Amino acid sequence: MERRERGLMKRLNTTIKSFYDEQLKRDEEVLSFLEKREERREANMLKKAEGFRYIYKEQFKEFGKIMVKRDKEIERDNNYRQKLWIDSLDHVNSNVVTMHSMLTEIESSLNTLGARQD
């Protein structure tokens, strides 16, 4: 009977071992599946991040172009204002020269009148 019990015990141990081996194999398959799913999720997230990076890069380029265009417009406006300012200063300067020459003529006329009265 001992021999029979040992045989049963051996068979029971083999059954338990095969059950645990199968359970371990299933657990490894589930882990493998979960790891692959996580890798795919990470890959998709990286793809999305690359897409967003590209979009932001393009938007930044567009923003840069707009800023350059705006800077050129500001520079053009400033140049135009400077030219207007210089033109108005030239106009004022010519008026001052004209006034000075008129005052010189008036002064010389007054001097000649004053010399005649003496």
C-alpha atoms as a PDB file:
ATOM      1  CA  MET A   1       0.000   0.000   0.000  1.00  0.00           C
ATOM      2  CA  GLU A   2       2.888   2.294   0.613  1.00  0.00           C
ATOM      3  CA  ARG A   3       3.907   1.867  -2.939  1.00  0.00           C
ATOM      4  CA  ARG A   4       0.438   2.756  -4.110  1.00  0.00           C
ATOM      5  CA  GLU A   5       0.388   5.855  -1.866  1.00  0.00           C
ATOM      6  CA  ARG A   6       3.775   6.926  -3.189  1.00  0.00           C
ATOM      7  CA  GLY A   7       2.487   6.519  -6.727  1.00  0.00           C
ATOM      8  CA  LEU A   8      -0.607   8.573  -5.929  1.00  0.00           C
ATOM      9  CA  MET A   9       1.540  11.215  -4.191  1.00  0.00           C
ATOM     10  CA  LYS A  10       3.873  11.312  -7.163  1.00  0.00           C
ATOM     11  CA  ARG A  11       0.954  11.667  -9.575  1.00  0.00           C
ATOM     12  CA  LEU A  12      -0.588  14.367  -7.357  1.00  0.00           C
ATOM     13  CA  ASN A  13       2.744  16.249  -7.260  1.00  0.00           C
ATOM     14  CA  THR A  14       3.042  15.958 -11.040  1.00  0.00           C
ATOM     15  CA  THR A  15      -0.522  17.254 -11.469  1.00  0.00           C
ATOM     16  CA  ILE A  16       0.108  20.162  -9.100  1.00  0.00           C
ATOM     17  CA  LYS A  17       3.405  20.962 -10.834  1.00  0.00           C
ATOM     18  CA  SER A  18       1.803  20.863 -14.296  1.00  0.00           C
ATOM     19  CA  PHE A  19      -1.062  23.062 -12.984  1.00  0.00           C
ATOM     20  CA  TYR A  20       1.437  25.632 -11.642  1.00  0.00           C
ATOM     21  CA  ASP A  21       3.481  25.399 -14.855  1.00  0.00           C
ATOM     22  CA  GLU A  22       0.358  26.052 -16.931  1.00  0.00           C
ATOM     23  CA  GLN A  23      -0.648  28.908 -14.630  1.00  0.00           C
ATOM     24  CA  LEU A  24       2.867  30.353 -14.878  1.00  0.00           C
ATOM     25  CA  LYS A  25       2.754  30.025 -18.668  1.00  0.00           C
ATOM     26  CA  ARG A  26      -0.631  31.822 -18.773  1.00  0.00           C
ATOM     27  CA  ASP A  27       0.691  34.552 -16.463  1.00  0.00           C
ATOM     28  CA  GLU A  28       3.715  35.019 -18.713  1.00  0.00           C
ATOM     29  CA  GLU A  29       1.453  35.237 -21.770  1.00  0.00           C
ATOM     30  CA  VAL A  30      -0.734  37.819 -20.041  1.00  0.00           C
ATOM     31  CA  LEU A  31       2.346  39.803 -18.983  1.00  0.00           C
ATOM     32  CA  SER A  32       3.731  39.597 -22.494  1.00  0.00           C
ATOM     33  CA  PHE A  33       0.413  40.799 -23.907  1.00  0.00           C
ATOM     34  CA  LEU A  34       0.281  43.662 -21.403  1.00  0.00           C
ATOM     35  CA  GLU A  35       3.891  44.625 -22.146  1.00  0.00           C
ATOM     36  CA  LYS A  36       3.220  44.626 -25.883  1.00  0.00           C
ATOM     37  CA  ARG A  37       0.082  46.683 -25.354  1.00  0.00           C
ATOM     38  CA  GLU A  38       2.045  49.132 -23.190  1.00  0.00           C
ATOM     39  CA  GLU A  39       4.782  49.328 -25.848  1.00  0.00           C
ATOM     40  CA  ARG A  40       2.161  50.044 -28.524  1.00  0.00           C
ATOM     41  CA  ARG A  41       0.589  52.675 -26.294  1.00  0.00           C
ATOM     42  CA  GLU A  42       4.003  54.280 -25.733  1.00  0.00           C
ATOM     43  CA  ALA A  43       4.749  54.129 -29.461  1.00  0.00           C
ATOM     44  CA  ASN A  44       1.407  55.790 -30.219  1.00  0.00           C
ATOM     45  CA  MET A  45       2.094  58.445 -27.600  1.00  0.00           C
ATOM     46  CA  LEU A  46       5.516  59.073 -29.164  1.00  0.00           C
ATOM     47  CA  LYS A  47       3.903  59.374 -32.598  1.00  0.00           C
ATOM     48  CA  LYS A  48       1.405  61.873 -31.201  1.00  0.00           C
ATOM     49  CA  ALA A  49       4.192  63.780 -29.463  1.00  0.00           C
ATOM     50  CA  GLU A  50       6.160  63.909 -32.720  1.00  0.00           C
ATOM     51  CA  GLY A  51       3.040  65.126 -34.503  1.00  0.00           C
ATOM     52  CA  PHE A  52       2.479  67.840 -31.917  1.00  0.00           C
ATOM     53  CA  ARG A  53       6.156  68.777 -32.057  1.00  0.00           C
ATOM     54  CA  TYR A  54       5.889  69.113 -35.853  1.00  0.00           C
ATOM     55  CA  ILE A  55       2.698  71.184 -35.562  1.00  0.00           C
ATOM     56  CA  TYR A  56       4.231  73.469 -32.940  1.00  0.00           C
ATOM     57  CA  LYS A  57       7.418  73.763 -34.998  1.00  0.00           C
ATOM     58  CA  GLU A  58       5.383  74.785 -38.058  1.00  0.00           C
ATOM     59  CA  GLN A  59       3.317  77.216 -35.986  1.00  0.00           C
ATOM     60  CA  PHE A  60       6.520  78.687 -34.561  1.00  0.00           C
ATOM     61  CA  LYS A  61       7.884  79.084 -38.090  1.00  0.00           C
ATOM     62  CA  GLU A  62       4.689  80.868 -39.124  1.00  0.00           C
ATOM     63  CA  PHE A  63       4.884  83.038 -36.014  1.00  0.00           C
ATOM     64  CA  GLY A  64       8.516  83.839 -36.855  1.00  0.00           C
ATOM     65  CA  LYS A  65       7.528  84.817 -40.391  1.00  0.00           C
ATOM     66  CA  ILE A  66       4.761  87.041 -39.046  1.00  0.00           C
ATOM     67  CA  MET A  67       7.160  88.668 -36.571  1.00  0.00           C
ATOM     68  CA  VAL A  68       9.756  89.298 -39.309  1.00  0.00           C
ATOM     69  CA  LYS A  69       7.056  90.788 -41.536  1.00  0.00           C
ATOM     70  CA  ARG A  70       5.829  92.937 -38.637  1.00  0.00           C
ATOM     71  CA  ASP A  71       9.371  94.101 -37.871  1.00  0.00           C
ATOM     72  CA  LYS A  72       9.860  95.068 -41.517  1.00  0.00           C
ATOM     73  CA  GLU A  73       6.579  96.994 -41.491  1.00  0.00           C
ATOM     74  CA  ILE A  74       7.599  98.783 -38.293  1.00  0.00           C
ATOM     75  CA  GLU A  75      10.998  99.603 -39.790  1.00  0.00           C
ATOM     76  CA  ARG A  76       9.318 100.882 -42.966  1.00  0.00           C
ATOM     77  CA  ASP A  77       6.938 103.019 -40.873  1.00  0.00           C
ATOM     78  CA  ASN A  78       9.837 104.330 -38.797  1.00  0.00           C
ATOM     79  CA  ASN A  79      11.816 105.148 -41.949  1.00  0.00           C
ATOM     80  CA  TYR A  80       8.771 106.928 -43.368  1.00  0.00           C
ATOM     81  CA  ARG A  81       8.302 108.900 -40.122  1.00  0.00           C
ATOM     82  CA  GLN A  82      11.997 109.745 -40.098  1.00  0.00           C
ATOM     83  CA  LYS A  83      11.758 110.976 -43.681  1.00  0.00           C
ATOM     84  CA  LEU A  84       8.717 113.086 -42.799  1.00  0.00           C
ATOM     85  CA  TRP A  85      10.534 114.479 -39.786  1.00  0.00           C
ATOM     86  CA  ILE A  86      13.624 115.302 -41.883  1.00  0.00           C
ATOM     87  CA  ASP A  87      11.446 116.873 -44.590  1.00  0.00           C
ATOM     88  CA  SER A  88       9.608 119.006 -42.041  1.00  0.00           C
ATOM     89  CA  LEU A  89      12.944 120.037 -40.461  1.00  0.00           C
ATOM     90  CA  ASP A  90      14.239 120.987 -43.911  1.00  0.00           C
ATOM     91  CA  HIS A  91      11.076 123.004 -44.499  1.00  0.00           C
ATOM     92  CA  VAL A  92      11.449 124.760 -41.119  1.00  0.00           C
ATOM     93  CA  ASN A  93      15.143 125.347 -41.822  1.00  0.00           C
ATOM     94  CA  SER A  94      14.391 126.900 -45.215  1.00  0.00           C
ATOM     95  CA  ASN A  95      11.728 129.094 -43.581  1.00  0.00           C
ATOM     96  CA  VAL A  96      14.268 130.185 -40.954  1.00  0.00           C
ATOM     97  CA  VAL A  97      16.803 131.018 -43.679  1.00  0.00           C
ATOM     98  CA  THR A  98      14.138 132.969 -45.565  1.00  0.00           C
ATOM     99  CA  MET A  99      13.117 134.818 -42.390  1.00  0.00           C
ATOM    100  CA  HIS A 100      16.764 135.557 -41.619  1.00  0.00           C
ATOM    101  CA  SER A 101      17.371 136.984 -45.091  1.00  0.00           C
ATOM    102  CA  MET A 102      14.185 139.067 -44.814  1.00  0.00           C
ATOM    103  CA  LEU A 103      15.271 140.363 -41.416  1.00  0.00           C
ATOM    104  CA  THR A 104      18.698 141.175 -42.846  1.00  0.00           C
ATOM    105  CA  GLU A 105      17.049 143.143 -45.672  1.00  0.00           C
ATOM    106  CA  ILE A 106      14.766 144.953 -43.218  1.00  0.00           C
ATOM    107  CA  GLU A 107      17.720 145.736 -40.989  1.00  0.00           C
ATOM    108  CA  SER A 108      19.753 147.084 -43.910  1.00  0.00           C
ATOM    109  CA  SER A 109      16.738 149.132 -45.057  1.00  0.00           C
ATOM    110  CA  LEU A 110      16.326 150.542 -41.558  1.00  0.00           C
ATOM    111  CA  ASN A 111      20.049 151.350 -41.427  1.00  0.00           C
ATOM    112  CA  THR A 112      19.873 153.181 -44.747  1.00  0.00           C
ATOM    113  CA  LEU A 113      16.781 155.068 -43.561  1.00  0.00           C
ATOM    114  CA  GLY A 114      18.520 155.908 -40.300  1.00  0.00           C
ATOM    115  CA  ALA A 115      21.606 157.106 -42.180  1.00  0.00           C
ATOM    116  CA  ARG A 116      19.476 159.368 -44.376  1.00  0.00           C
ATOM    117  CA  GLN A 117      17.753 160.937 -41.404  1.00  0.00           C
ATOM    118  CA  ASP A 118      21.038 161.823 -39.739  1.00  0.00           C
END
